[in-house]
């Protein structure tokens, strides 16, 4: 679950000749959206799939927006050792409506129904603990999640609950540089290994109609990260994200897709 806490990217350098491209923040308020995340990573010597589907809806609120996000379903083909921590972390959130408050620049600044949402999550964990015997993987995984949740501050709870939708707003209300792009520093490695510092660049690699294609390449001690983004120049939202992470001989791939609901 700790991997859900977003790491801030730090600008290292910005070429003097780079031309800034303004990114708006104007999410659609006239339609429902679906956000799909699918990840493939090694578990017990085989590549296993982990997926999650969320329903999203934006509405205007004061000078910003409310994002209503609901986890609809999760799935995994991993054996119990790999799947149970994932299921224990996310099952209590299925069907729970989270009303994130965003400012006019696309920053998540609060959760309007935090008490009700957190109460529903806690009830879900309690139900899992009561359902499964103490010596089962599911009970142990649920107990670990309960302990993690109990250790979080209010800011930590918000970061945890917002972690999987945060990448949608990665560039909203900001500027991206053309030309050689910009230098970045962050940490990477989890969930394949211990997080280590990585550095690299983010640059624009294409400008199709009403969109920007961005490429991020980062590297550190034994770690390589490649990310490709398709960014809407109308809404400022990341519509697709393709990530590959290599830690030594281990590899992870992840795709995120934001699209109108059927």
Protein backbone atom coordinates (compact mmCIF):
# COMPACT_ATOMS: atom_id res chain seq x y z
CA UNK A 1 0.00 0.00 0.00
CA UNK A 2 2.88 2.36 0.64
CA UNK A 3 3.56 2.43 -3.07
CA UNK A 4 0.27 4.37 -3.45
CA UNK A 5 1.83 7.38 -1.75
CA UNK A 6 2.87 9.59 -4.67
CA UNK A 7 6.50 10.77 -4.79
CA UNK A 8 7.04 14.38 -5.85
CA UNK A 9 9.20 14.99 -8.90
CA UNK A 10 11.92 17.63 -8.46
CA UNK A 11 13.05 19.79 -11.37
CA UNK A 12 16.82 19.57 -11.75
CA UNK A 13 17.41 21.69 -14.80
CA UNK A 14 15.54 23.52 -17.50
CA UNK A 15 17.29 24.45 -20.73
CA UNK A 16 17.28 28.18 -21.37
CA UNK A 17 16.04 27.62 -24.91
CA UNK A 18 13.06 25.43 -23.92
CA UNK A 19 9.67 26.75 -24.88
CA UNK A 20 6.92 26.20 -22.35
CA UNK A 21 3.62 24.59 -23.38
CA UNK A 22 0.77 25.59 -21.07
CA UNK A 23 -1.41 22.74 -19.82
CA UNK A 24 -4.96 23.71 -18.74
CA UNK A 25 -7.11 22.16 -16.06
CA UNK A 26 -10.66 21.89 -17.39
CA UNK A 27 -11.98 18.39 -16.67
CA UNK A 28 -15.25 17.42 -18.37
CA UNK A 29 -18.31 17.82 -16.14
CA UNK A 30 -20.85 16.57 -18.68
CA UNK A 31 -19.94 12.89 -18.77
CA UNK A 32 -18.99 9.91 -16.63
CA UNK A 33 -15.50 8.47 -17.05
CA UNK A 34 -13.87 5.10 -16.48
CA UNK A 35 -10.29 4.77 -15.22
CA UNK A 36 -8.66 1.38 -15.81
CA UNK A 37 -5.34 0.32 -14.30
CA UNK A 38 -3.66 -2.95 -15.25
CA UNK A 39 -0.29 -4.06 -13.94
CA UNK A 40 1.85 -7.09 -14.74
CA UNK A 41 4.62 -8.01 -12.31
CA UNK A 42 6.47 -11.12 -11.12
CA UNK A 43 4.97 -13.22 -8.35
CA UNK A 44 6.50 -16.58 -7.41
CA UNK A 45 8.48 -16.82 -10.62
CA UNK A 46 5.65 -15.95 -13.04
CA UNK A 47 4.25 -12.70 -14.42
CA UNK A 48 0.85 -11.99 -12.85
CA UNK A 49 -1.89 -9.49 -13.61
CA UNK A 50 -3.42 -6.98 -11.15
CA UNK A 51 -6.28 -4.75 -12.33
CA UNK A 52 -8.67 -2.13 -10.98
CA UNK A 53 -11.58 -0.20 -12.53
CA UNK A 54 -12.88 3.09 -11.14
CA UNK A 55 -15.87 5.22 -12.10
CA UNK A 56 -15.12 8.96 -12.12
CA UNK A 57 -17.30 12.06 -12.38
CA UNK A 58 -16.26 15.73 -12.15
CA UNK A 59 -18.47 18.60 -10.98
CA UNK A 60 -17.79 22.29 -10.45
CA UNK A 61 -17.38 23.47 -6.87
CA UNK A 62 -16.49 27.06 -5.90
CA UNK A 63 -13.19 27.90 -7.64
CA UNK A 64 -12.32 24.27 -8.31
CA UNK A 65 -13.91 20.87 -8.78
CA UNK A 66 -15.16 17.80 -6.98
CA UNK A 67 -13.99 14.44 -8.31
CA UNK A 68 -16.34 11.63 -7.37
CA UNK A 69 -14.34 8.41 -7.59
CA UNK A 70 -15.70 4.91 -6.92
CA UNK A 71 -13.70 1.70 -7.13
CA UNK A 72 -15.90 -0.67 -9.10
CA UNK A 73 -13.87 -3.86 -9.33
CA UNK A 74 -10.44 -5.41 -8.77
CA UNK A 75 -8.96 -8.63 -10.09
CA UNK A 76 -5.75 -10.65 -10.10
CA UNK A 77 -4.59 -14.01 -11.38
CA UNK A 78 -1.79 -14.19 -8.81
CA UNK A 79 -1.66 -17.01 -6.23
CA UNK A 80 -2.68 -16.22 -2.67
CA UNK A 81 0.77 -15.04 -1.54
CA UNK A 82 0.71 -12.25 -4.12
CA UNK A 83 -3.01 -11.56 -4.48
CA UNK A 84 -4.17 -11.43 -0.87
CA UNK A 85 -2.30 -8.24 0.16
CA UNK A 86 -3.66 -6.55 -2.98
CA UNK A 87 -7.21 -7.71 -2.33
CA UNK A 88 -7.02 -6.85 1.36
CA UNK A 89 -5.87 -3.32 0.57
CA UNK A 90 -8.52 -2.54 -2.04
CA UNK A 91 -11.57 -4.71 -1.27
CA UNK A 92 -12.74 -2.40 1.58
CA UNK A 93 -12.84 0.47 -0.95
CA UNK A 94 -15.10 -1.26 -3.50
CA UNK A 95 -18.32 0.71 -3.81
CA UNK A 96 -17.15 3.50 -1.47
CA UNK A 97 -17.76 6.93 -3.03
CA UNK A 98 -14.79 9.26 -2.50
CA UNK A 99 -15.45 12.97 -3.11
CA UNK A 100 -12.04 14.55 -3.66
CA UNK A 101 -11.84 18.34 -3.60
CA UNK A 102 -9.53 19.89 -6.21
CA UNK A 103 -8.39 23.46 -6.57
CA UNK A 104 -8.41 25.33 -9.88
CA UNK A 105 -4.95 24.00 -10.79
CA UNK A 106 -5.80 20.32 -10.41
CA UNK A 107 -4.33 19.73 -6.95
CA UNK A 108 -6.20 17.39 -4.60
CA UNK A 109 -6.65 19.44 -1.44
CA UNK A 110 -9.17 17.43 0.57
CA UNK A 111 -11.83 14.75 0.80
CA UNK A 112 -15.30 16.14 1.41
CA UNK A 113 -16.76 12.95 2.92
CA UNK A 114 -13.62 11.83 4.74
CA UNK A 115 -15.35 10.57 7.91
CA UNK A 116 -17.98 8.54 6.04
CA UNK A 117 -15.42 7.17 3.57
CA UNK A 118 -12.93 6.22 6.27
CA UNK A 119 -15.69 4.62 8.33
CA UNK A 120 -16.73 2.50 5.34
CA UNK A 121 -13.12 1.41 4.79
CA UNK A 122 -12.72 0.44 8.44
CA UNK A 123 -16.00 -1.48 8.35
CA UNK A 124 -14.80 -3.37 5.29
CA UNK A 125 -11.56 -4.36 7.01
CA UNK A 126 -13.45 -5.44 10.15
CA UNK A 127 -15.73 -7.59 8.00
CA UNK A 128 -12.73 -9.28 6.37
CA UNK A 129 -11.15 -9.97 9.75
CA UNK A 130 -14.39 -11.48 11.03
CA UNK A 131 -14.91 -13.62 7.92
CA UNK A 132 -11.51 -15.30 7.57
CA UNK A 133 -9.80 -17.52 10.13
CA UNK A 134 -6.76 -15.96 11.87
CA UNK A 135 -4.33 -18.46 10.31
CA UNK A 136 -5.38 -17.72 6.70
CA UNK A 137 -3.48 -15.46 4.26
CA UNK A 138 -6.55 -13.24 3.85
CA UNK A 139 -6.87 -12.60 7.59
CA UNK A 140 -3.15 -11.82 7.92
CA UNK A 141 -3.24 -9.48 4.94
CA UNK A 142 -6.30 -7.66 6.31
CA UNK A 143 -4.62 -7.29 9.72
CA UNK A 144 -1.56 -5.76 8.06
CA UNK A 145 -3.74 -3.27 6.17
CA UNK A 146 -5.62 -2.40 9.36
CA UNK A 147 -2.32 -1.68 11.14
CA UNK A 148 -1.11 0.50 8.29
CA UNK A 149 -4.34 2.52 8.18
CA UNK A 150 -4.23 3.01 11.95
CA UNK A 151 -0.71 4.44 11.72
CA UNK A 152 -1.57 7.15 9.19
CA UNK A 153 -2.04 10.84 9.92
CA UNK A 154 -5.00 12.67 8.31
CA UNK A 155 -2.69 13.86 5.52
CA UNK A 156 -1.40 10.33 5.12
CA UNK A 157 -4.94 8.99 4.79
CA UNK A 158 -5.74 11.52 2.08
CA UNK A 159 -2.53 10.67 0.21
CA UNK A 160 -3.32 6.97 0.44
CA UNK A 161 -6.92 7.30 -0.77
CA UNK A 162 -5.94 9.71 -3.55
CA UNK A 163 -2.85 7.80 -4.64
CA UNK A 164 -4.31 5.88 -7.56
CA UNK A 165 -6.16 8.83 -9.13
CA UNK A 166 -3.35 11.36 -8.57
CA UNK A 167 -1.50 10.44 -11.82
CA UNK A 168 -4.44 11.76 -13.86
CA UNK A 169 -3.52 15.30 -12.71
CA UNK A 170 0.25 15.01 -13.03
CA UNK A 171 0.54 17.90 -15.53
CA UNK A 172 -2.75 19.76 -14.99
CA UNK A 173 -2.47 23.52 -14.61
CA UNK A 174 1.27 23.51 -15.26
CA UNK A 175 3.76 23.93 -18.10
CA UNK A 176 5.76 21.31 -19.96
CA UNK A 177 8.93 22.18 -21.83
CA UNK A 178 9.55 21.52 -25.49
CA UNK A 179 13.00 20.98 -26.94
CA UNK A 180 15.25 18.99 -24.64
CA UNK A 181 12.62 18.91 -21.91
CA UNK A 182 13.43 19.04 -18.21
CA UNK A 183 15.50 17.06 -15.75
CA UNK A 184 13.81 15.08 -12.99
CA UNK A 185 14.76 13.32 -9.78
CA UNK A 186 12.57 10.94 -7.76
CA UNK A 187 12.72 7.43 -6.23
CA UNK A 188 11.69 4.16 -7.86
CA UNK A 189 11.90 0.42 -7.28
CA UNK A 190 8.80 -0.51 -5.27
CA UNK A 191 7.06 -2.98 -5.52
CA UNK A 192 9.94 -4.92 -7.09
CA UNK A 193 12.59 -3.88 -4.62
CA UNK A 194 13.84 -1.22 -2.24
CA UNK A 195 13.21 2.30 -3.62
CA UNK A 196 16.39 4.00 -4.85
CA UNK A 197 17.05 7.49 -6.25
CA UNK A 198 16.64 7.81 -10.02
CA UNK A 199 17.28 10.70 -12.38
CA UNK A 200 16.39 11.43 -15.98
CA UNK A 201 14.37 13.63 -18.30
CA UNK A 202 10.80 14.40 -19.29
CA UNK A 203 10.29 15.65 -22.83
CA UNK A 204 7.60 16.18 -25.43
CA UNK A 205 7.88 13.58 -28.22
CA UNK A 206 4.72 14.36 -30.19
CA UNK A 207 1.88 16.84 -30.57
CA UNK A 208 -1.11 15.13 -32.20
CA UNK A 209 -4.40 17.03 -32.46
CA UNK A 210 -5.54 18.30 -29.04
CA UNK A 211 -2.92 16.21 -27.22
CA UNK A 212 0.68 16.00 -26.13
CA UNK A 213 2.79 12.85 -26.08
CA UNK A 214 5.40 12.88 -23.32
CA UNK A 215 8.26 10.53 -22.58
CA UNK A 216 9.94 10.12 -19.21
CA UNK A 217 13.17 8.15 -18.84
CA UNK A 218 14.77 7.65 -15.41
CA UNK A 219 17.62 5.50 -14.17
CA UNK A 220 19.43 4.75 -10.93
CA UNK A 221 21.43 1.98 -9.27
CA UNK A 222 20.04 -1.13 -10.95
CA UNK A 223 16.74 0.59 -11.77
CA UNK A 224 15.33 1.72 -15.11
CA UNK A 225 11.96 3.50 -15.59
CA UNK A 226 10.30 4.41 -18.88
CA UNK A 227 6.91 6.17 -18.96
CA UNK A 228 4.86 7.39 -21.91
CA UNK A 229 1.94 9.79 -21.41
CA UNK A 230 -0.87 10.94 -23.70
CA UNK A 231 -2.02 14.26 -22.27
CA UNK A 232 -5.21 16.07 -23.34
CA UNK A 233 -4.59 19.72 -24.23
CA UNK A 234 -8.32 20.36 -23.71
CA UNK A 235 -8.83 18.98 -20.20
CA UNK A 236 -5.22 18.81 -18.97
CA UNK A 237 -5.80 15.20 -17.85
CA UNK A 238 -3.50 12.26 -18.55
CA UNK A 239 -5.62 10.01 -20.77
CA UNK A 240 -3.13 7.15 -21.13
CA UNK A 241 0.01 6.22 -19.24
CA UNK A 242 2.30 3.30 -20.07
CA UNK A 243 5.02 2.53 -17.52
CA UNK A 244 7.80 -0.05 -17.47
CA UNK A 245 10.00 -0.58 -14.44
CA UNK A 246 13.05 -2.83 -14.36
CA UNK A 247 14.88 -3.64 -11.13
CA UNK A 248 17.78 -5.96 -11.89
CA UNK A 249 16.25 -8.94 -13.67
CA UNK A 250 12.72 -8.19 -12.46
CA UNK A 251 10.28 -6.25 -14.64
CA UNK A 252 6.91 -4.58 -14.17
CA UNK A 253 4.60 -3.03 -16.77
CA UNK A 254 1.55 -0.90 -16.07
CA UNK A 255 -1.11 0.76 -18.22
CA UNK A 256 -3.59 3.43 -17.13
CA UNK A 257 -6.45 4.50 -19.37
CA UNK A 258 -9.03 7.27 -18.83
CA UNK A 259 -12.01 7.12 -21.19
CA UNK A 260 -15.69 8.07 -21.39
CA UNK A 261 -18.05 5.53 -19.84
CA UNK A 262 -20.19 3.55 -22.27
